[in-house]
Amino acid sequence: MPATASRYISFSHREMSFMRHRRTSHLALVAAVTFSLSACTFTTAAGNPKAVKPPSATREATTAPTAAAVYQLMRKSGAAAESVHVKGAYSDNGQKLHLDVAGDRAGREMRLLVDFGNGAIEILKVNDDFYLRADAAYWTRLDGSATITNLAAGKYVKVPAGSAAGMGDFRVDTLLNQVFASDIPTADKLNTKVQTTDVDGVHAYVMTTKVAGDATIYVSTDGKARLMRAESTTNGTLDFTEWDSVVPTSTPPADQLAKTPNL
């Protein structure tokens, strides 16, 4: 699968650059960190993430359709889906990341967790509003202010409307389109024979790439042809669940919102 991790990893590099400009307003920092994710996409994980349970042994499907047919059905169902939950882990230039994102393709709601190994950052999108939540270590790295850290750590910080205006492309639809366009092999690169297996107890078709390819694609056998998992021996794994059934996000309760007048 094509490696698009470097674009997503730009989050960490930009975060470091923001830290060098501590006189910048905290609102701008929060908005910029959030916006830096909008131009990025998912890729598969390097190594073998512990969170991913290996599928059962594969077996050749005697009555399965061809790989080309399964592929086309998978693309069609993916394009028609209204919501999805994507989860995976990868590394880029030695930097390990864990990602967990769920939301609707219309861009109304989304929940994203990003973990660089030193604490998770959570971003919520509810209609036109964005909220960011991180631990004390994150706020200390970002600003160094004990006051801001004490006020914001573990709470949701609302990104002001003016700062959030440029984040319209930050949605599951953009990320999912990138996955299908860049991270899933095209039908001509797949072996024609389809195998079957079980992924987390769910029956799945298994499609593999031809010689010199290392991608394995798992698709549901229930007639909906839902993409369940995309994995690579060199790049790792993404799991796709909750197609058309992601629970909508909601505005954080008042007691979970940071009272940060200086942000």
C-alpha atoms as a PDB file:
ATOM      1  CA  MET A   1       0.000   0.000   0.000  1.00  0.00           C
ATOM      2  CA  PRO A   2       1.303   3.516  -0.762  1.00  0.00           C
ATOM      3  CA  ALA A   3       2.893   5.195   2.245  1.00  0.00           C
ATOM      4  CA  THR A   4       0.973   8.345   3.120  1.00  0.00           C
ATOM      5  CA  ALA A   5       2.098   8.376   6.746  1.00  0.00           C
ATOM      6  CA  SER A   6       4.569  11.181   6.178  1.00  0.00           C
ATOM      7  CA  ARG A   7       1.735  13.591   5.470  1.00  0.00           C
ATOM      8  CA  TYR A   8      -0.104  12.546   8.597  1.00  0.00           C
ATOM      9  CA  ILE A   9       3.058  12.671  10.659  1.00  0.00           C
ATOM     10  CA  SER A  10       3.309  16.361   9.796  1.00  0.00           C
ATOM     11  CA  PHE A  11       1.072  16.787  12.833  1.00  0.00           C
ATOM     12  CA  SER A  12       3.983  15.956  15.147  1.00  0.00           C
ATOM     13  CA  HIS A  13       6.497  18.058  13.254  1.00  0.00           C
ATOM     14  CA  ARG A  14       4.167  21.056  13.212  1.00  0.00           C
ATOM     15  CA  GLU A  15       3.427  20.611  16.873  1.00  0.00           C
ATOM     16  CA  MET A  16       7.142  20.950  17.557  1.00  0.00           C
ATOM     17  CA  SER A  17       7.341  24.092  15.452  1.00  0.00           C
ATOM     18  CA  PHE A  18       4.406  25.588  17.327  1.00  0.00           C
ATOM     19  CA  MET A  19       6.190  24.969  20.593  1.00  0.00           C
ATOM     20  CA  ARG A  20       9.006  27.250  19.464  1.00  0.00           C
ATOM     21  CA  HIS A  21       6.581  30.176  19.172  1.00  0.00           C
ATOM     22  CA  ARG A  22       5.213  30.381  22.686  1.00  0.00           C
ATOM     23  CA  ARG A  23       4.147  33.978  22.290  1.00  0.00           C
ATOM     24  CA  THR A  24       1.533  32.893  19.766  1.00  0.00           C
ATOM     25  CA  SER A  25      -1.988  32.923  21.257  1.00  0.00           C
ATOM     26  CA  HIS A  26      -3.179  29.604  22.612  1.00  0.00           C
ATOM     27  CA  LEU A  27      -6.276  29.795  20.452  1.00  0.00           C
ATOM     28  CA  ALA A  28      -4.111  29.941  17.375  1.00  0.00           C
ATOM     29  CA  LEU A  29      -2.046  27.033  18.649  1.00  0.00           C
ATOM     30  CA  VAL A  30      -5.081  24.866  19.247  1.00  0.00           C
ATOM     31  CA  ALA A  31      -6.564  25.775  15.876  1.00  0.00           C
ATOM     32  CA  ALA A  32      -3.303  25.223  14.031  1.00  0.00           C
ATOM     33  CA  VAL A  33      -2.664  21.843  15.630  1.00  0.00           C
ATOM     34  CA  THR A  34      -6.171  20.762  14.731  1.00  0.00           C
ATOM     35  CA  PHE A  35      -6.001  22.166  11.212  1.00  0.00           C
ATOM     36  CA  SER A  36      -2.682  20.464  10.546  1.00  0.00           C
ATOM     37  CA  LEU A  37      -4.568  17.161  10.621  1.00  0.00           C
ATOM     38  CA  SER A  38      -7.016  18.240   7.919  1.00  0.00           C
ATOM     39  CA  ALA A  39      -4.488  17.944   5.095  1.00  0.00           C
ATOM     40  CA  CYS A  40      -3.472  14.447   6.088  1.00  0.00           C
ATOM     41  CA  THR A  41      -4.743  10.956   5.544  1.00  0.00           C
ATOM     42  CA  PHE A  42      -4.434   7.565   7.095  1.00  0.00           C
ATOM     43  CA  THR A  43      -1.944   4.906   6.176  1.00  0.00           C
ATOM     44  CA  THR A  44      -1.398   1.463   7.514  1.00  0.00           C
ATOM     45  CA  ALA A  45       0.598   0.622  10.565  1.00  0.00           C
ATOM     46  CA  ALA A  46       4.190  -0.478  10.623  1.00  0.00           C
ATOM     47  CA  GLY A  47       4.846  -3.683  12.477  1.00  0.00           C
ATOM     48  CA  ASN A  48       2.184  -5.743  14.186  1.00  0.00           C
ATOM     49  CA  PRO A  49       0.083  -3.545  16.512  1.00  0.00           C
ATOM     50  CA  LYS A  50      -0.992  -5.397  19.634  1.00  0.00           C
ATOM     51  CA  ALA A  51      -4.515  -4.015  19.333  1.00  0.00           C
ATOM     52  CA  VAL A  52      -5.124  -5.953  16.113  1.00  0.00           C
ATOM     53  CA  LYS A  53      -6.251  -9.541  16.548  1.00  0.00           C
ATOM     54  CA  PRO A  54      -4.883 -11.772  13.760  1.00  0.00           C
ATOM     55  CA  PRO A  55      -7.586 -13.305  11.552  1.00  0.00           C
ATOM     56  CA  SER A  56      -8.218 -17.026  11.512  1.00  0.00           C
ATOM     57  CA  ALA A  57      -6.348 -19.178   9.010  1.00  0.00           C
ATOM     58  CA  THR A  58      -7.375 -18.424   5.443  1.00  0.00           C
ATOM     59  CA  ARG A  59      -8.907 -20.987   3.130  1.00  0.00           C
ATOM     60  CA  GLU A  60      -9.751 -20.866  -0.553  1.00  0.00           C
ATOM     61  CA  ALA A  61     -13.372 -19.948  -1.155  1.00  0.00           C
ATOM     62  CA  THR A  62     -14.956 -22.523  -3.450  1.00  0.00           C
ATOM     63  CA  THR A  63     -18.072 -20.441  -4.172  1.00  0.00           C
ATOM     64  CA  ALA A  64     -16.701 -16.923  -3.776  1.00  0.00           C
ATOM     65  CA  PRO A  65     -16.861 -14.353  -6.580  1.00  0.00           C
ATOM     66  CA  THR A  66     -13.678 -13.241  -8.275  1.00  0.00           C
ATOM     67  CA  ALA A  67     -11.410 -10.679  -6.647  1.00  0.00           C
ATOM     68  CA  ALA A  68     -12.434  -8.130  -9.272  1.00  0.00           C
ATOM     69  CA  ALA A  69     -16.107  -8.602  -8.412  1.00  0.00           C
ATOM     70  CA  VAL A  70     -15.508  -8.354  -4.654  1.00  0.00           C
ATOM     71  CA  TYR A  71     -13.331  -5.295  -5.218  1.00  0.00           C
ATOM     72  CA  GLN A  72     -15.997  -3.476  -7.214  1.00  0.00           C
ATOM     73  CA  LEU A  73     -18.676  -4.273  -4.624  1.00  0.00           C
ATOM     74  CA  MET A  74     -16.350  -3.065  -1.850  1.00  0.00           C
ATOM     75  CA  ARG A  75     -15.715   0.236  -3.653  1.00  0.00           C
ATOM     76  CA  LYS A  76     -19.429   0.696  -4.283  1.00  0.00           C
ATOM     77  CA  SER A  77     -20.424   0.034  -0.671  1.00  0.00           C
ATOM     78  CA  GLY A  78     -17.646   2.281   0.605  1.00  0.00           C
ATOM     79  CA  ALA A  79     -18.774   5.146  -1.605  1.00  0.00           C
ATOM     80  CA  ALA A  80     -22.371   4.778  -0.437  1.00  0.00           C
ATOM     81  CA  ALA A  81     -21.571   4.546   3.281  1.00  0.00           C
ATOM     82  CA  GLU A  82     -22.623   7.419   5.517  1.00  0.00           C
ATOM     83  CA  SER A  83     -20.325   6.739   8.478  1.00  0.00           C
ATOM     84  CA  VAL A  84     -17.430   4.521   9.558  1.00  0.00           C
ATOM     85  CA  HIS A  85     -14.985   3.847  12.383  1.00  0.00           C
ATOM     86  CA  VAL A  86     -11.326   3.489  11.374  1.00  0.00           C
ATOM     87  CA  LYS A  87      -8.620   2.359  13.776  1.00  0.00           C
ATOM     88  CA  GLY A  88      -4.952   1.565  13.330  1.00  0.00           C
ATOM     89  CA  ALA A  89      -1.349   2.186  14.314  1.00  0.00           C
ATOM     90  CA  TYR A  90       1.793   2.912  12.351  1.00  0.00           C
ATOM     91  CA  SER A  91       5.232   4.475  12.516  1.00  0.00           C
ATOM     92  CA  ASP A  92       7.022   6.967  10.322  1.00  0.00           C
ATOM     93  CA  ASN A  93      10.700   7.796  10.658  1.00  0.00           C
ATOM     94  CA  GLY A  94      10.683   5.999  13.987  1.00  0.00           C
ATOM     95  CA  GLN A  95       7.658   7.918  15.316  1.00  0.00           C
ATOM     96  CA  LYS A  96       4.877   5.557  16.338  1.00  0.00           C
ATOM     97  CA  LEU A  97       1.250   6.665  16.155  1.00  0.00           C
ATOM     98  CA  HIS A  98      -2.075   5.160  17.112  1.00  0.00           C
ATOM     99  CA  LEU A  99      -5.181   6.524  15.406  1.00  0.00           C
ATOM    100  CA  ASP A 100      -8.854   6.039  16.188  1.00  0.00           C
ATOM    101  CA  VAL A 101     -11.440   8.042  14.236  1.00  0.00           C
ATOM    102  CA  ALA A 102     -15.182   7.680  13.827  1.00  0.00           C
ATOM    103  CA  GLY A 103     -17.740   9.940  12.241  1.00  0.00           C
ATOM    104  CA  ASP A 104     -20.106  10.658   9.400  1.00  0.00           C
ATOM    105  CA  ARG A 105     -19.033  11.447   5.856  1.00  0.00           C
ATOM    106  CA  ALA A 106     -21.132  14.601   5.769  1.00  0.00           C
ATOM    107  CA  GLY A 107     -18.726  16.193   8.233  1.00  0.00           C
ATOM    108  CA  ARG A 108     -21.272  16.982  10.905  1.00  0.00           C
ATOM    109  CA  GLU A 109     -19.766  14.831  13.642  1.00  0.00           C
ATOM    110  CA  MET A 110     -16.442  13.147  14.342  1.00  0.00           C
ATOM    111  CA  ARG A 111     -14.275  11.903  17.174  1.00  0.00           C
ATOM    112  CA  LEU A 112     -10.528  11.485  16.627  1.00  0.00           C
ATOM    113  CA  LEU A 113      -7.882  10.125  18.974  1.00  0.00           C
ATOM    114  CA  VAL A 114      -4.193  10.490  18.095  1.00  0.00           C
ATOM    115  CA  ASP A 115      -1.505   9.012  20.326  1.00  0.00           C
ATOM    116  CA  PHE A 116       2.187   9.601  19.633  1.00  0.00           C
ATOM    117  CA  GLY A 117       3.175   7.386  22.528  1.00  0.00           C
ATOM    118  CA  ASN A 118       3.351  10.229  25.000  1.00  0.00           C
ATOM    119  CA  GLY A 119      -0.360  10.775  25.593  1.00  0.00           C
ATOM    120  CA  ALA A 120      -3.485  10.832  23.473  1.00  0.00           C
ATOM    121  CA  ILE A 121      -4.989  13.945  21.897  1.00  0.00           C
ATOM    122  CA  GLU A 122      -8.730  13.878  21.320  1.00  0.00           C
ATOM    123  CA  ILE A 123     -10.578  16.079  18.843  1.00  0.00           C
ATOM    124  CA  LEU A 124     -14.362  16.293  18.645  1.00  0.00           C
ATOM    125  CA  LYS A 125     -16.359  17.870  15.854  1.00  0.00           C
ATOM    126  CA  VAL A 126     -20.008  18.615  16.527  1.00  0.00           C
ATOM    127  CA  ASN A 127     -21.654  20.412  13.608  1.00  0.00           C
ATOM    128  CA  ASP A 128     -19.467  23.494  13.110  1.00  0.00           C
ATOM    129  CA  ASP A 129     -17.715  23.313  16.479  1.00  0.00           C
ATOM    130  CA  PHE A 130     -14.338  21.728  17.271  1.00  0.00           C
ATOM    131  CA  TYR A 131     -13.113  20.672  20.720  1.00  0.00           C
ATOM    132  CA  LEU A 132      -9.631  19.493  21.709  1.00  0.00           C
ATOM    133  CA  ARG A 133      -8.736  17.517  24.824  1.00  0.00           C
ATOM    134  CA  ALA A 134      -5.241  16.520  25.925  1.00  0.00           C
ATOM    135  CA  ASP A 135      -3.353  15.668  29.079  1.00  0.00           C
ATOM    136  CA  ALA A 136      -1.061  17.888  31.147  1.00  0.00           C
ATOM    137  CA  ALA A 137       2.048  16.627  29.363  1.00  0.00           C
ATOM    138  CA  TYR A 138       0.680  17.833  26.015  1.00  0.00           C
ATOM    139  CA  TRP A 139      -0.144  21.334  27.260  1.00  0.00           C
ATOM    140  CA  THR A 140       3.200  21.567  29.020  1.00  0.00           C
ATOM    141  CA  ARG A 141       5.017  20.647  25.808  1.00  0.00           C
ATOM    142  CA  LEU A 142       2.917  23.033  23.782  1.00  0.00           C
ATOM    143  CA  ASP A 143       3.201  26.081  26.002  1.00  0.00           C
ATOM    144  CA  GLY A 144       5.035  25.456  29.245  1.00  0.00           C
ATOM    145  CA  SER A 145       2.554  27.577  31.210  1.00  0.00           C
ATOM    146  CA  ALA A 146       1.517  25.941  34.459  1.00  0.00           C
ATOM    147  CA  THR A 147      -1.608  28.093  34.539  1.00  0.00           C
ATOM    148  CA  ILE A 148      -2.798  27.000  31.120  1.00  0.00           C
ATOM    149  CA  THR A 149      -1.854  23.396  31.835  1.00  0.00           C
ATOM    150  CA  ASN A 150      -3.861  23.348  35.051  1.00  0.00           C
ATOM    151  CA  LEU A 151      -6.890  24.887  33.342  1.00  0.00           C
ATOM    152  CA  ALA A 152      -6.864  22.823  30.138  1.00  0.00           C
ATOM    153  CA  ALA A 153      -5.429  19.409  31.048  1.00  0.00           C
ATOM    154  CA  GLY A 154      -8.030  16.662  30.742  1.00  0.00           C
ATOM    155  CA  LYS A 155     -10.716  19.135  29.640  1.00  0.00           C
ATOM    156  CA  TYR A 156     -12.197  19.984  26.265  1.00  0.00           C
ATOM    157  CA  VAL A 157     -11.008  23.302  24.842  1.00  0.00           C
ATOM    158  CA  LYS A 158     -13.431  24.771  22.325  1.00  0.00           C
ATOM    159  CA  VAL A 159     -11.782  26.171  19.200  1.00  0.00           C
ATOM    160  CA  PRO A 160     -13.322  29.593  18.438  1.00  0.00           C
ATOM    161  CA  ALA A 161     -15.478  29.879  15.331  1.00  0.00           C
ATOM    162  CA  GLY A 162     -13.007  32.186  13.632  1.00  0.00           C
ATOM    163  CA  SER A 163     -10.105  29.792  14.125  1.00  0.00           C
ATOM    164  CA  ALA A 164     -12.180  26.728  13.198  1.00  0.00           C
ATOM    165  CA  ALA A 165     -13.493  28.238   9.956  1.00  0.00           C
ATOM    166  CA  GLY A 166     -10.659  26.747   7.906  1.00  0.00           C
ATOM    167  CA  MET A 167     -11.172  23.188   9.154  1.00  0.00           C
ATOM    168  CA  GLY A 168     -14.068  22.280   6.875  1.00  0.00           C
ATOM    169  CA  ASP A 169     -12.095  19.551   5.066  1.00  0.00           C
ATOM    170  CA  PHE A 170     -11.227  17.836   8.330  1.00  0.00           C
ATOM    171  CA  ARG A 171     -13.760  14.998   8.146  1.00  0.00           C
ATOM    172  CA  VAL A 172     -14.050  11.247   7.744  1.00  0.00           C
ATOM    173  CA  ASP A 173     -15.141  11.575   4.112  1.00  0.00           C
ATOM    174  CA  THR A 174     -11.810  13.116   3.101  1.00  0.00           C
ATOM    175  CA  LEU A 175      -9.830  10.454   4.944  1.00  0.00           C
ATOM    176  CA  LEU A 176     -11.899   7.562   3.601  1.00  0.00           C
ATOM    177  CA  ASN A 177     -11.616   8.834   0.031  1.00  0.00           C
ATOM    178  CA  GLN A 178      -7.838   8.943   0.453  1.00  0.00           C
ATOM    179  CA  VAL A 179      -7.781   5.380   1.765  1.00  0.00           C
ATOM    180  CA  PHE A 180      -9.689   4.064  -1.251  1.00  0.00           C
ATOM    181  CA  ALA A 181      -7.700   6.201  -3.667  1.00  0.00           C
ATOM    182  CA  SER A 182      -4.205   5.580  -2.299  1.00  0.00           C
ATOM    183  CA  ASP A 183      -4.064   2.799   0.287  1.00  0.00           C
ATOM    184  CA  ILE A 184      -6.187   0.081  -1.320  1.00  0.00           C
ATOM    185  CA  PRO A 185      -4.633  -1.781  -4.287  1.00  0.00           C
ATOM    186  CA  THR A 186      -6.518  -1.528  -7.575  1.00  0.00           C
ATOM    187  CA  ALA A 187      -8.306  -4.620  -8.903  1.00  0.00           C
ATOM    188  CA  ASP A 188      -5.642  -5.361 -11.513  1.00  0.00           C
ATOM    189  CA  LYS A 189      -3.037  -5.746  -8.761  1.00  0.00           C
ATOM    190  CA  LEU A 190      -5.018  -8.408  -6.900  1.00  0.00           C
ATOM    191  CA  ASN A 191      -4.792 -12.156  -7.287  1.00  0.00           C
ATOM    192  CA  THR A 192      -7.930 -13.439  -9.021  1.00  0.00           C
ATOM    193  CA  LYS A 193      -8.648 -16.151  -6.453  1.00  0.00           C
ATOM    194  CA  VAL A 194     -10.421 -15.161  -3.256  1.00  0.00           C
ATOM    195  CA  GLN A 195      -9.934 -16.900   0.076  1.00  0.00           C
ATOM    196  CA  THR A 196     -12.060 -16.779   3.212  1.00  0.00           C
ATOM    197  CA  THR A 197     -11.330 -16.348   6.902  1.00  0.00           C
ATOM    198  CA  ASP A 198     -12.836 -14.910  10.075  1.00  0.00           C
ATOM    199  CA  VAL A 199     -11.938 -11.437  11.343  1.00  0.00           C
ATOM    200  CA  ASP A 200     -12.943 -10.945  14.973  1.00  0.00           C
ATOM    201  CA  GLY A 201     -15.545 -13.656  14.538  1.00  0.00           C
ATOM    202  CA  VAL A 202     -16.998 -12.251  11.314  1.00  0.00           C
ATOM    203  CA  HIS A 203     -16.728 -14.221   8.063  1.00  0.00           C
ATOM    204  CA  ALA A 204     -14.676 -12.415   5.424  1.00  0.00           C
ATOM    205  CA  TYR A 205     -13.355 -12.691   1.903  1.00  0.00           C
ATOM    206  CA  VAL A 206      -9.588 -12.286   1.653  1.00  0.00           C
ATOM    207  CA  MET A 207      -7.940 -10.633  -1.340  1.00  0.00           C
ATOM    208  CA  THR A 208      -4.177 -10.513  -1.750  1.00  0.00           C
ATOM    209  CA  THR A 209      -1.861  -8.667  -4.085  1.00  0.00           C
ATOM    210  CA  LYS A 210       0.164 -10.318  -6.824  1.00  0.00           C
ATOM    211  CA  VAL A 211       3.927 -10.947  -6.829  1.00  0.00           C
ATOM    212  CA  ALA A 212       5.904  -8.109  -5.190  1.00  0.00           C
ATOM    213  CA  GLY A 213       2.771  -6.915  -3.406  1.00  0.00           C
ATOM    214  CA  ASP A 214       2.231  -7.296   0.313  1.00  0.00           C
ATOM    215  CA  ALA A 215      -1.322  -6.035   0.845  1.00  0.00           C
ATOM    216  CA  THR A 216      -4.182  -8.138   2.174  1.00  0.00           C
ATOM    217  CA  ILE A 217      -7.755  -6.876   2.040  1.00  0.00           C
ATOM    218  CA  TYR A 218     -10.597  -8.334   4.123  1.00  0.00           C
ATOM    219  CA  VAL A 219     -14.188  -7.781   2.949  1.00  0.00           C
ATOM    220  CA  SER A 220     -17.433  -8.935   4.561  1.00  0.00           C
ATOM    221  CA  THR A 221     -19.283 -11.869   2.982  1.00  0.00           C
ATOM    222  CA  ASP A 222     -22.754 -10.676   4.050  1.00  0.00           C
ATOM    223  CA  GLY A 223     -23.626  -9.250   0.656  1.00  0.00           C
ATOM    224  CA  LYS A 224     -22.728  -5.707   1.678  1.00  0.00           C
ATOM    225  CA  ALA A 225     -19.034  -6.153   0.811  1.00  0.00           C
ATOM    226  CA  ARG A 226     -17.873  -3.897   3.624  1.00  0.00           C
ATOM    227  CA  LEU A 227     -14.143  -3.291   3.895  1.00  0.00           C
ATOM    228  CA  MET A 228     -13.163  -4.806   7.240  1.00  0.00           C
ATOM    229  CA  ARG A 229      -9.386  -4.659   7.302  1.00  0.00           C
ATOM    230  CA  ALA A 230      -6.466  -3.560   5.152  1.00  0.00           C
ATOM    231  CA  GLU A 231      -3.051  -4.803   6.163  1.00  0.00           C
ATOM    232  CA  SER A 232       0.481  -4.966   4.845  1.00  0.00           C
ATOM    233  CA  THR A 233       3.550  -6.835   6.032  1.00  0.00           C
ATOM    234  CA  THR A 234       5.577  -3.637   5.675  1.00  0.00           C
ATOM    235  CA  ASN A 235       3.043  -0.922   6.535  1.00  0.00           C
ATOM    236  CA  GLY A 236       0.666  -2.510   9.018  1.00  0.00           C
ATOM    237  CA  THR A 237      -3.087  -2.557   9.608  1.00  0.00           C
ATOM    238  CA  LEU A 238      -6.265  -0.482   9.528  1.00  0.00           C
ATOM    239  CA  ASP A 239      -9.565  -1.869  10.814  1.00  0.00           C
ATOM    240  CA  PHE A 240     -12.905  -0.575   9.495  1.00  0.00           C
ATOM    241  CA  THR A 241     -16.020  -1.101  11.617  1.00  0.00           C
ATOM    242  CA  GLU A 242     -19.399   0.480  12.403  1.00  0.00           C
ATOM    243  CA  TRP A 243     -20.230   1.135   8.764  1.00  0.00           C
ATOM    244  CA  ASP A 244     -23.390   3.299   8.745  1.00  0.00           C
ATOM    245  CA  SER A 245     -23.759   2.826  12.508  1.00  0.00           C
ATOM    246  CA  VAL A 246     -21.334   5.251  14.177  1.00  0.00           C
ATOM    247  CA  VAL A 247     -22.908   6.833  17.244  1.00  0.00           C
ATOM    248  CA  PRO A 248     -23.084  10.636  16.722  1.00  0.00           C
ATOM    249  CA  THR A 249     -20.832  12.782  18.863  1.00  0.00           C
ATOM    250  CA  SER A 250     -22.350  15.371  21.134  1.00  0.00           C
ATOM    251  CA  THR A 251     -21.231  18.600  22.755  1.00  0.00           C
ATOM    252  CA  PRO A 252     -19.141  17.870  25.872  1.00  0.00           C
ATOM    253  CA  PRO A 253     -20.933  18.487  29.189  1.00  0.00           C
ATOM    254  CA  ALA A 254     -20.285  21.866  30.788  1.00  0.00           C
ATOM    255  CA  ASP A 255     -18.249  20.304  33.603  1.00  0.00           C
ATOM    256  CA  GLN A 256     -15.858  18.826  31.006  1.00  0.00           C
ATOM    257  CA  LEU A 257     -15.203  22.126  29.236  1.00  0.00           C
ATOM    258  CA  ALA A 258     -12.059  24.043  30.142  1.00  0.00           C
ATOM    259  CA  LYS A 259     -12.595  27.500  31.567  1.00  0.00           C
ATOM    260  CA  THR A 260      -9.711  29.185  29.839  1.00  0.00           C
ATOM    261  CA  PRO A 261     -10.442  32.897  29.313  1.00  0.00           C
ATOM    262  CA  ASN A 262      -6.891  33.544  28.114  1.00  0.00           C
ATOM    263  CA  LEU A 263      -6.947  30.911  25.358  1.00  0.00           C
END
